Amino acid sequence: MVSAVIFVVLFITGSAFFFINAKKIRRNILLGKEISIKDNKAERIKVMTLVALGQKKMFSRPIPAILHLFLYAAFVITQVELLEIIFDGVSGHHRAFRPALGGFYNLVIGIIEVLSVLAFIGTLAFLSRRNLLKVPRLVKSELNGWPKLDANFILLGELTLISFIFMMNGADEVLYSRGTSHAENLGDGSLGLAISSYLGPLLFGGMSDGALHVIERIGWWGHITMVFAFLNYLPFSKHLHILLAFPNTYFSNLKAKGEFKNLFEVTDVVKPNFDSSYQPVLDPNVPVKFGAKDVTDLNWKQLLDAYSCTECGRCTSSCPQSQTGKKLSPRKIMMDTRDRLEEVGKNIDKNKGTFVDDGKSLLGDYITAEEIWACNTCNACVQECPVNIDPLAIIMDLRQQLVLEQSAAPTELNGMFGNIENNGAPWQFSPADRANWINEC
């Protein structure tokens, strides 16, 4: 009874803290400008299924994709066992589902154990890639400090969680073979778990029943405690993509890459010059704000992108400008956007629901003009992202702010703008001379 009460308190407290922090993240995302994404529902479900659930884009790089698949599959399938642990914790039973499921129970737990071993191998490989092999995209400057600690912390936590699973199952396997397990009505003989039936006797076979009971309980409580700790760590970690990858891929931009959207605010002013029947919609006396200076000028999908970033660096490693030494990292663009959004959210919390100007902005204090002008809009970052994040959309909005609001375009572009204004084309000659090349044929 005491154990069940402690579990229920842990369950309610852990769940409550998660929902409080999840609600703040939702609030932060909705600080962005409203846009409507309700088209092509069937296509969106297909994209979400292939990209988020099926990990389709991960396999452009097979080795890390397979390693990631080990962790991903283990994470998904282990939730089945977690249901039993929650039921056992509340009811005070142990392995309550096994009597009813029989051999199918052993099959499911066996699959979980095999996947857990593969996840253990994958986790060691990821730790090695970051800290020993130092894969270039995983040691960029934007990962210094907390991002690096975050990645390693989660990987070490994964190893700890898997260790707890095998402590629980291994000790229980030995106890049950001796007839001293506190699980009830499981039948005769061994539990028959795929890995623990061998690993348990090997590691724990020489221990007393009392020691085994302690180890089994440490494994059980350690497992569920790590699950609740991870759940409440997610809102502060890049691993939030485990949850947000699904809505983020569902709301993906389905248009062809390279297709840019005309600004309605500009079209509304220019169109009457070409179509005398067109009636402007906007009030010319109301000033219009172009582009984005801060996170609240971006739309909610762009802010969802920022929270969904996995920090894997595939975008940056594929960016030609980054590879040639330019001061541009699409990953840093997303990380900076998320960091600024978190700062704005904390400002709102501190000031009882109202944002108080802190003298900072995304453009200038987090992302510099040099970074965004380095981009050549090739869409390589968009193509490579495993969860369909679009760093280019943010870069373009920041550029519009510089050009249309601050008149701070590079000198090279100002010459082109002048030619377009005066000659109707980027080139520095009269429109009347455009066909002169025919005379040279």
Protein backbone atom coordinates (compact mmCIF):
# COMPACT_ATOMS: atom_id res chain seq x y z
CA MET A 1 0.00 0.00 0.00
CA VAL A 2 2.82 2.42 0.90
CA SER A 3 4.54 1.60 -2.40
CA ALA A 4 1.33 2.24 -4.34
CA VAL A 5 0.80 5.61 -2.61
CA ILE A 6 4.37 6.69 -3.35
CA PHE A 7 3.94 5.65 -6.99
CA VAL A 8 0.64 7.53 -7.39
CA VAL A 9 2.19 10.69 -5.90
CA LEU A 10 5.19 10.36 -8.25
CA PHE A 11 2.90 9.75 -11.23
CA ILE A 12 0.60 12.71 -10.52
CA THR A 13 3.46 15.09 -9.66
CA GLY A 14 5.55 14.11 -12.69
CA SER A 15 2.60 14.36 -15.06
CA ALA A 16 1.49 17.72 -13.62
CA PHE A 17 4.92 19.31 -14.02
CA PHE A 18 5.13 18.04 -17.59
CA PHE A 19 1.75 19.50 -18.56
CA ILE A 20 2.60 22.85 -16.92
CA ASN A 21 5.81 23.13 -18.95
CA ALA A 22 4.14 21.80 -22.12
CA LYS A 23 1.48 24.48 -21.74
CA LYS A 24 4.19 27.17 -21.59
CA ILE A 25 5.77 25.85 -24.78
CA ARG A 26 2.39 25.90 -26.51
CA ARG A 27 1.91 29.48 -25.31
CA ASN A 28 5.32 30.45 -26.65
CA ILE A 29 4.64 28.90 -30.08
CA LEU A 30 1.33 30.74 -30.32
CA LEU A 31 3.14 34.06 -29.76
CA GLY A 32 3.87 33.81 -33.48
CA LYS A 33 1.64 35.35 -36.12
CA GLU A 34 -1.42 33.36 -37.08
CA ILE A 35 -1.39 31.45 -40.36
CA SER A 36 -3.89 28.89 -41.61
CA ILE A 37 -2.59 25.43 -42.58
CA LYS A 38 -5.67 23.31 -43.25
CA ASP A 39 -5.16 22.11 -46.82
CA ASN A 40 -4.27 18.66 -48.20
CA LYS A 41 -4.99 16.70 -45.02
CA ALA A 42 -4.42 13.31 -46.66
CA GLU A 43 -1.05 14.40 -48.05
CA ARG A 44 -0.05 15.85 -44.68
CA ILE A 45 -0.89 12.60 -42.89
CA LYS A 46 1.19 10.74 -45.47
CA VAL A 47 4.17 13.06 -44.95
CA MET A 48 3.90 12.76 -41.17
CA THR A 49 3.72 8.96 -41.37
CA LEU A 50 6.73 8.64 -43.67
CA VAL A 51 8.96 11.32 -42.19
CA ALA A 52 8.13 11.38 -38.45
CA LEU A 53 6.99 7.82 -37.84
CA GLY A 54 8.88 6.09 -40.65
CA GLN A 55 12.13 8.11 -40.27
CA LYS A 56 12.31 8.30 -44.07
CA LYS A 57 14.72 11.22 -44.39
CA MET A 58 17.11 9.82 -41.78
CA PHE A 59 18.21 7.13 -44.21
CA SER A 60 19.99 9.53 -46.51
CA ARG A 61 22.86 8.75 -44.10
CA PRO A 62 22.51 5.00 -43.38
CA ILE A 63 24.90 4.46 -40.44
CA PRO A 64 23.49 7.09 -38.05
CA ALA A 65 20.00 6.22 -39.34
CA ILE A 66 20.33 2.58 -38.28
CA LEU A 67 21.78 3.56 -34.90
CA HIS A 68 18.96 6.04 -34.40
CA LEU A 69 16.42 3.40 -35.43
CA PHE A 70 17.62 1.18 -32.58
CA LEU A 71 16.88 3.92 -30.05
CA TYR A 72 13.67 4.99 -31.72
CA ALA A 73 12.22 1.48 -31.96
CA ALA A 74 13.20 0.70 -28.37
CA PHE A 75 11.59 3.94 -27.18
CA VAL A 76 8.31 3.23 -28.99
CA ILE A 77 7.96 -0.46 -28.11
CA THR A 78 9.03 0.03 -24.49
CA GLN A 79 5.90 2.09 -23.93
CA VAL A 80 4.00 -1.24 -23.94
CA GLU A 81 5.95 -2.40 -20.89
CA LEU A 82 5.50 1.02 -19.32
CA LEU A 83 1.73 0.49 -19.33
CA GLU A 84 2.18 -2.61 -17.21
CA ILE A 85 4.58 -0.85 -14.84
CA ILE A 86 2.08 1.95 -14.31
CA PHE A 87 -0.70 -0.55 -13.64
CA ASP A 88 1.55 -2.51 -11.26
CA GLY A 89 2.54 0.67 -9.48
CA VAL A 90 -1.02 1.77 -8.87
CA SER A 91 -2.41 -1.68 -8.00
CA GLY A 92 0.54 -3.02 -6.03
CA HIS A 93 0.85 -6.12 -8.25
CA HIS A 94 3.88 -7.30 -10.19
CA ARG A 95 3.80 -8.41 -13.85
CA ALA A 96 0.02 -8.25 -13.70
CA PHE A 97 -0.41 -8.74 -17.47
CA ARG A 98 1.53 -12.00 -17.79
CA PRO A 99 -1.09 -14.48 -16.49
CA ALA A 100 -3.61 -13.32 -19.09
CA LEU A 101 -1.19 -12.95 -21.99
CA GLY A 102 0.98 -16.03 -21.37
CA GLY A 103 3.43 -16.69 -24.20
CA PHE A 104 2.51 -13.48 -25.99
CA TYR A 105 3.70 -11.57 -22.93
CA ASN A 106 7.12 -13.26 -23.14
CA LEU A 107 7.28 -12.45 -26.86
CA VAL A 108 6.59 -8.74 -26.29
CA ILE A 109 9.03 -8.43 -23.37
CA GLY A 110 11.57 -10.41 -25.37
CA ILE A 111 11.31 -7.99 -28.28
CA ILE A 112 11.71 -5.10 -25.83
CA GLU A 113 14.85 -6.69 -24.39
CA VAL A 114 16.40 -7.28 -27.81
CA LEU A 115 15.65 -3.70 -28.81
CA SER A 116 17.07 -2.49 -25.49
CA VAL A 117 20.36 -4.26 -26.24
CA LEU A 118 20.44 -2.67 -29.71
CA ALA A 119 19.61 0.70 -28.15
CA PHE A 120 22.48 0.21 -25.69
CA ILE A 121 24.84 -0.38 -28.62
CA GLY A 122 23.45 2.62 -30.50
CA THR A 123 23.81 4.85 -27.46
CA LEU A 124 27.45 3.88 -26.98
CA ALA A 125 28.03 4.59 -30.68
CA PHE A 126 26.43 8.04 -30.42
CA LEU A 127 28.51 8.88 -27.35
CA SER A 128 31.62 7.83 -29.27
CA ARG A 129 30.67 9.87 -32.34
CA ARG A 130 30.28 13.00 -30.22
CA ASN A 131 33.14 12.63 -27.76
CA LEU A 132 35.77 10.32 -29.29
CA LEU A 133 35.38 10.42 -33.08
CA LYS A 134 34.22 14.06 -32.91
CA VAL A 135 32.16 13.95 -36.10
CA PRO A 136 32.51 17.52 -37.52
CA ARG A 137 28.80 18.42 -37.53
CA LEU A 138 28.55 17.36 -33.87
CA VAL A 139 31.33 19.61 -32.58
CA LYS A 140 30.44 22.98 -34.14
CA SER A 141 30.78 26.09 -31.97
CA GLU A 142 27.02 26.54 -31.54
CA LEU A 143 26.99 23.25 -29.61
CA ASN A 144 29.44 24.43 -26.95
CA GLY A 145 28.11 24.59 -23.43
CA TRP A 146 24.58 23.44 -22.68
CA PRO A 147 23.77 21.82 -26.09
CA LYS A 148 26.73 19.45 -25.74
CA LEU A 149 25.86 18.67 -22.12
CA ASP A 150 22.23 18.13 -23.10
CA ALA A 151 23.12 15.56 -25.76
CA ASN A 152 25.53 13.65 -23.50
CA PHE A 153 23.19 13.82 -20.53
CA ILE A 154 20.38 12.18 -22.46
CA LEU A 155 22.66 9.46 -23.84
CA LEU A 156 24.00 8.65 -20.37
CA GLY A 157 20.42 8.66 -19.10
CA GLU A 158 19.50 6.16 -21.81
CA LEU A 159 22.30 3.83 -20.70
CA THR A 160 21.11 4.14 -17.10
CA LEU A 161 17.50 3.40 -18.05
CA ILE A 162 18.47 0.27 -19.98
CA SER A 163 20.62 -0.89 -17.06
CA PHE A 164 17.62 -0.54 -14.74
CA ILE A 165 15.48 -2.60 -17.13
CA PHE A 166 17.93 -5.50 -17.04
CA MET A 167 18.43 -5.21 -13.29
CA MET A 168 14.66 -5.59 -12.88
CA ASN A 169 14.21 -8.40 -15.39
CA GLY A 170 17.45 -10.23 -14.60
CA ALA A 171 16.91 -10.35 -10.85
CA ASP A 172 13.26 -11.29 -11.32
CA GLU A 173 14.26 -14.12 -13.65
CA VAL A 174 16.50 -15.67 -10.99
CA LEU A 175 13.94 -15.11 -8.23
CA TYR A 176 11.19 -16.74 -10.24
CA SER A 177 13.30 -19.76 -11.09
CA ARG A 178 13.74 -20.23 -7.33
CA GLY A 179 10.03 -19.74 -6.67
CA THR A 180 10.66 -16.65 -4.55
CA SER A 181 9.50 -13.86 -6.88
CA HIS A 182 6.74 -11.65 -5.47
CA ALA A 183 4.93 -11.93 -8.81
CA GLU A 184 1.79 -14.06 -8.52
CA ASN A 185 0.17 -16.73 -10.69
CA LEU A 186 2.89 -16.86 -13.31
CA GLY A 187 2.99 -20.63 -13.64
CA ASP A 188 5.96 -22.93 -13.18
CA GLY A 189 9.53 -22.67 -14.37
CA SER A 190 11.48 -19.74 -15.71
CA LEU A 191 10.00 -16.45 -16.85
CA GLY A 192 11.71 -17.22 -20.16
CA LEU A 193 12.67 -13.65 -21.09
CA ALA A 194 14.80 -13.48 -24.26
CA ILE A 195 17.89 -11.83 -22.81
CA SER A 196 17.38 -11.88 -19.04
CA SER A 197 16.91 -15.65 -18.91
CA TYR A 198 20.65 -15.83 -19.75
CA LEU A 199 21.90 -12.52 -18.38
CA GLY A 200 20.09 -12.82 -15.03
CA PRO A 201 21.69 -16.09 -13.87
CA LEU A 202 25.06 -14.93 -15.21
CA LEU A 203 25.06 -11.67 -13.21
CA PHE A 204 22.87 -12.45 -10.23
CA GLY A 205 22.80 -16.25 -9.94
CA GLY A 206 25.11 -16.36 -6.91
CA MET A 207 23.21 -13.79 -4.85
CA SER A 208 20.81 -14.36 -1.99
CA ASP A 209 17.09 -13.94 -2.36
CA GLY A 210 17.15 -10.84 -0.19
CA ALA A 211 19.82 -9.17 -2.33
CA LEU A 212 17.92 -10.09 -5.49
CA HIS A 213 14.72 -8.55 -4.18
CA VAL A 214 16.61 -5.32 -3.49
CA ILE A 215 18.16 -5.32 -6.96
CA GLU A 216 14.80 -6.03 -8.60
CA ARG A 217 13.14 -3.16 -6.73
CA ILE A 218 16.00 -0.78 -7.52
CA GLY A 219 15.58 -1.71 -11.18
CA TRP A 220 11.78 -1.27 -11.07
CA TRP A 221 11.80 2.07 -9.26
CA GLY A 222 14.84 3.27 -11.16
CA HIS A 223 13.12 2.53 -14.46
CA ILE A 224 9.93 4.40 -13.70
CA THR A 225 11.78 7.28 -12.00
CA MET A 226 13.98 7.72 -15.07
CA VAL A 227 10.86 7.76 -17.27
CA PHE A 228 9.25 10.56 -15.24
CA ALA A 229 12.57 12.44 -15.05
CA PHE A 230 12.97 12.20 -18.82
CA LEU A 231 9.36 13.31 -19.34
CA ASN A 232 9.99 16.48 -17.35
CA TYR A 233 13.39 17.03 -18.91
CA LEU A 234 11.95 17.04 -22.43
CA PRO A 235 10.61 20.64 -22.35
CA PHE A 236 14.13 21.90 -21.63
CA SER A 237 15.93 19.70 -24.14
CA LYS A 238 16.40 19.30 -27.86
CA HIS A 239 14.78 15.90 -27.40
CA LEU A 240 11.42 17.63 -27.40
CA HIS A 241 11.48 16.65 -31.08
CA ILE A 242 10.38 13.16 -29.97
CA LEU A 243 6.92 14.68 -29.53
CA LEU A 244 6.95 17.71 -31.83
CA ALA A 245 8.26 15.89 -34.91
CA PHE A 246 4.73 14.65 -35.58
CA PRO A 247 2.87 17.99 -35.67
CA ASN A 248 5.86 19.67 -37.30
CA THR A 249 5.93 17.25 -40.23
CA TYR A 250 2.13 17.35 -40.50
CA PHE A 251 2.27 21.13 -40.99
CA SER A 252 5.18 20.91 -43.46
CA ASN A 253 5.38 23.27 -46.40
CA LEU A 254 4.09 21.11 -49.25
CA LYS A 255 4.94 23.59 -51.99
CA ALA A 256 7.89 23.10 -54.30
CA LYS A 257 11.21 24.09 -52.78
CA GLY A 258 12.40 27.40 -54.15
CA GLU A 259 8.89 28.79 -54.48
CA PHE A 260 8.72 32.08 -52.62
CA LYS A 261 5.52 33.73 -51.52
CA ASN A 262 4.85 37.25 -52.73
CA LEU A 263 4.12 39.72 -49.95
CA PHE A 264 0.47 40.67 -50.13
CA GLU A 265 1.31 44.06 -48.63
CA VAL A 266 3.54 44.79 -51.66
CA THR A 267 1.20 43.20 -54.20
CA ASP A 268 -1.71 45.29 -52.92
CA VAL A 269 0.21 48.48 -53.69
CA VAL A 270 1.78 47.44 -57.00
CA LYS A 271 -1.06 45.52 -58.64
CA PRO A 272 -3.21 48.58 -59.54
CA ASN A 273 -0.35 49.68 -61.83
CA PHE A 274 -0.92 46.57 -63.93
CA ASP A 275 -4.63 45.94 -63.40
CA SER A 276 -6.82 49.04 -63.38
CA SER A 277 -9.79 47.03 -62.10
CA TYR A 278 -7.96 45.93 -58.94
CA GLN A 279 -9.11 47.66 -55.76
CA PRO A 280 -6.50 47.88 -52.97
CA VAL A 281 -7.51 46.16 -49.75
CA LEU A 282 -5.14 47.71 -47.24
CA ASP A 283 -5.58 51.18 -45.77
CA PRO A 284 -2.70 53.32 -47.11
CA ASN A 285 -2.79 55.39 -43.92
CA VAL A 286 -2.02 52.39 -41.71
CA PRO A 287 1.70 51.56 -41.63
CA VAL A 288 2.64 48.01 -42.59
CA LYS A 289 5.46 46.11 -40.91
CA PHE A 290 7.62 43.98 -43.20
CA GLY A 291 9.71 40.98 -42.27
CA ALA A 292 10.70 39.84 -38.80
CA LYS A 293 12.84 41.58 -36.22
CA ASP A 294 11.90 39.45 -33.25
CA VAL A 295 10.32 36.05 -32.68
CA THR A 296 6.83 37.51 -32.33
CA ASP A 297 7.11 38.71 -35.95
CA LEU A 298 7.52 35.13 -37.15
CA ASN A 299 4.53 32.85 -37.64
CA TRP A 300 3.64 30.01 -35.27
CA LYS A 301 4.86 27.32 -37.69
CA GLN A 302 8.32 28.89 -37.75
CA LEU A 303 8.34 28.89 -33.94
CA LEU A 304 7.21 25.26 -33.94
CA ASP A 305 10.16 24.56 -36.24
CA ALA A 306 12.50 26.09 -33.67
CA TYR A 307 11.20 23.89 -30.86
CA SER A 308 11.31 20.80 -33.12
CA CYS A 309 14.99 21.19 -34.01
CA THR A 310 16.96 18.03 -33.21
CA GLU A 311 20.32 19.88 -33.38
CA CYS A 312 21.60 17.00 -35.54
CA GLY A 313 23.46 19.44 -37.81
CA ARG A 314 22.51 17.80 -41.09
CA CYS A 315 21.35 21.18 -42.35
CA THR A 316 24.65 22.85 -41.51
CA SER A 317 26.78 20.01 -42.87
CA SER A 318 24.88 20.28 -46.18
CA CYS A 319 24.97 24.07 -46.41
CA PRO A 320 27.45 25.12 -49.13
CA GLN A 321 27.98 28.49 -47.50
CA SER A 322 28.83 26.91 -44.17
CA GLN A 323 31.18 24.45 -45.87
CA THR A 324 33.08 27.29 -47.56
CA GLY A 325 33.67 29.12 -44.29
CA LYS A 326 30.83 31.66 -44.38
CA LYS A 327 29.36 32.72 -41.08
CA LEU A 328 26.16 30.75 -41.53
CA SER A 329 24.82 27.68 -39.77
CA PRO A 330 21.15 26.87 -40.38
CA ARG A 331 21.20 24.87 -37.15
CA LYS A 332 22.33 27.95 -35.24
CA ILE A 333 19.49 29.94 -36.83
CA MET A 334 16.98 27.49 -35.34
CA MET A 335 18.74 27.27 -31.98
CA ASP A 336 18.93 31.07 -31.71
CA THR A 337 15.25 31.38 -32.55
CA ARG A 338 14.34 28.87 -29.84
CA ASP A 339 16.65 30.55 -27.28
CA ARG A 340 15.13 33.95 -27.95
CA LEU A 341 11.61 32.53 -27.79
CA GLU A 342 12.41 30.93 -24.43
CA GLU A 343 13.74 34.28 -23.22
CA VAL A 344 10.56 36.04 -24.31
CA GLY A 345 8.46 33.36 -22.59
CA LYS A 346 10.34 33.77 -19.31
CA ASN A 347 9.88 37.54 -19.60
CA ILE A 348 6.13 37.01 -19.90
CA ASP A 349 6.06 34.64 -16.91
CA LYS A 350 8.08 37.08 -14.82
CA ASN A 351 5.78 39.97 -15.64
CA LYS A 352 2.49 38.15 -15.00
CA GLY A 353 1.49 37.47 -18.57
CA THR A 354 2.77 40.64 -20.23
CA PHE A 355 5.96 41.06 -22.22
CA VAL A 356 8.10 43.95 -21.02
CA ASP A 357 10.54 45.31 -23.60
CA ASP A 358 14.01 44.05 -22.73
CA GLY A 359 15.83 45.97 -25.43
CA LYS A 360 16.72 42.80 -27.31
CA SER A 361 15.59 41.19 -30.55
CA LEU A 362 16.23 38.06 -32.57
CA LEU A 363 17.80 40.09 -35.38
CA GLY A 364 20.97 41.72 -34.11
CA ASP A 365 21.26 40.25 -30.62
CA TYR A 366 21.02 36.59 -31.66
CA ILE A 367 21.33 36.41 -35.44
CA THR A 368 23.57 38.86 -37.28
CA ALA A 369 23.08 40.40 -40.70
CA GLU A 370 26.27 38.71 -41.86
CA GLU A 371 24.75 35.31 -41.18
CA ILE A 372 21.53 35.82 -43.07
CA TRP A 373 23.15 37.51 -46.08
CA ALA A 374 25.55 34.56 -46.38
CA CYS A 375 22.62 32.33 -47.37
CA ASN A 376 22.25 31.62 -51.10
CA THR A 377 18.68 30.25 -50.69
CA CYS A 378 19.58 26.86 -52.18
CA ASN A 379 17.22 24.96 -49.85
CA ALA A 380 19.83 22.32 -48.97
CA CYS A 381 19.05 22.80 -45.27
CA VAL A 382 15.34 22.30 -45.89
CA GLN A 383 15.95 19.19 -47.97
CA GLU A 384 18.22 17.57 -45.38
CA CYS A 385 16.22 18.20 -42.21
CA PRO A 386 14.87 14.87 -40.90
CA VAL A 387 11.76 16.57 -39.44
CA ASN A 388 11.05 19.05 -42.30
CA ILE A 389 12.21 22.22 -40.55
CA ASP A 390 12.57 25.29 -42.79
CA PRO A 391 15.43 27.57 -41.66
CA LEU A 392 15.26 29.42 -44.97
CA ALA A 393 11.80 30.80 -44.18
CA ILE A 394 13.18 32.53 -41.07
CA ILE A 395 16.23 33.81 -42.94
CA MET A 396 14.04 35.34 -45.64
CA ASP A 397 11.81 37.10 -43.09
CA LEU A 398 14.87 38.54 -41.37
CA ARG A 399 16.17 39.75 -44.74
CA GLN A 400 12.86 41.44 -45.49
CA GLN A 401 13.14 43.29 -42.21
CA LEU A 402 16.60 44.57 -43.12
CA VAL A 403 15.66 45.60 -46.66
CA LEU A 404 12.12 46.92 -46.30
CA GLU A 405 12.18 48.29 -42.77
CA GLN A 406 15.79 49.25 -42.09
CA SER A 407 17.02 49.93 -45.66
CA ALA A 408 20.09 47.95 -44.70
CA ALA A 409 20.69 45.85 -47.79
CA PRO A 410 24.29 45.18 -48.91
CA THR A 411 25.77 47.65 -51.39
CA GLU A 412 25.66 45.07 -54.18
CA LEU A 413 21.92 44.69 -53.79
CA ASN A 414 21.26 48.41 -53.55
CA GLY A 415 22.69 48.81 -57.07
CA MET A 416 20.35 46.10 -58.34
CA PHE A 417 17.36 47.67 -56.55
CA GLY A 418 18.14 51.00 -58.19
CA ASN A 419 18.29 49.40 -61.62
CA ILE A 420 14.95 47.67 -61.08
CA GLU A 421 13.37 50.93 -59.97
CA ASN A 422 14.76 52.97 -62.86
CA ASN A 423 15.09 50.44 -65.66
CA GLY A 424 12.57 47.77 -64.75
CA ALA A 425 15.32 45.14 -64.72
CA PRO A 426 18.44 44.29 -62.66
CA TRP A 427 20.75 45.47 -65.45
CA GLN A 428 22.12 48.95 -65.82
CA PHE A 429 20.79 49.85 -69.25
CA SER A 430 17.60 51.32 -70.64
CA PRO A 431 14.61 49.03 -71.29
CA ALA A 432 14.66 50.35 -74.85
CA ASP A 433 18.04 48.66 -75.38
CA ARG A 434 17.01 45.21 -74.23
CA ALA A 435 16.57 43.80 -77.75
CA ASN A 436 19.83 45.19 -79.15
CA TRP A 437 21.43 41.76 -78.90
CA ILE A 438 19.28 40.70 -81.87
CA ASN A 439 21.29 43.04 -84.10
CA GLU A 440 24.47 41.21 -83.16
CA CYS A 441 23.21 37.85 -84.43
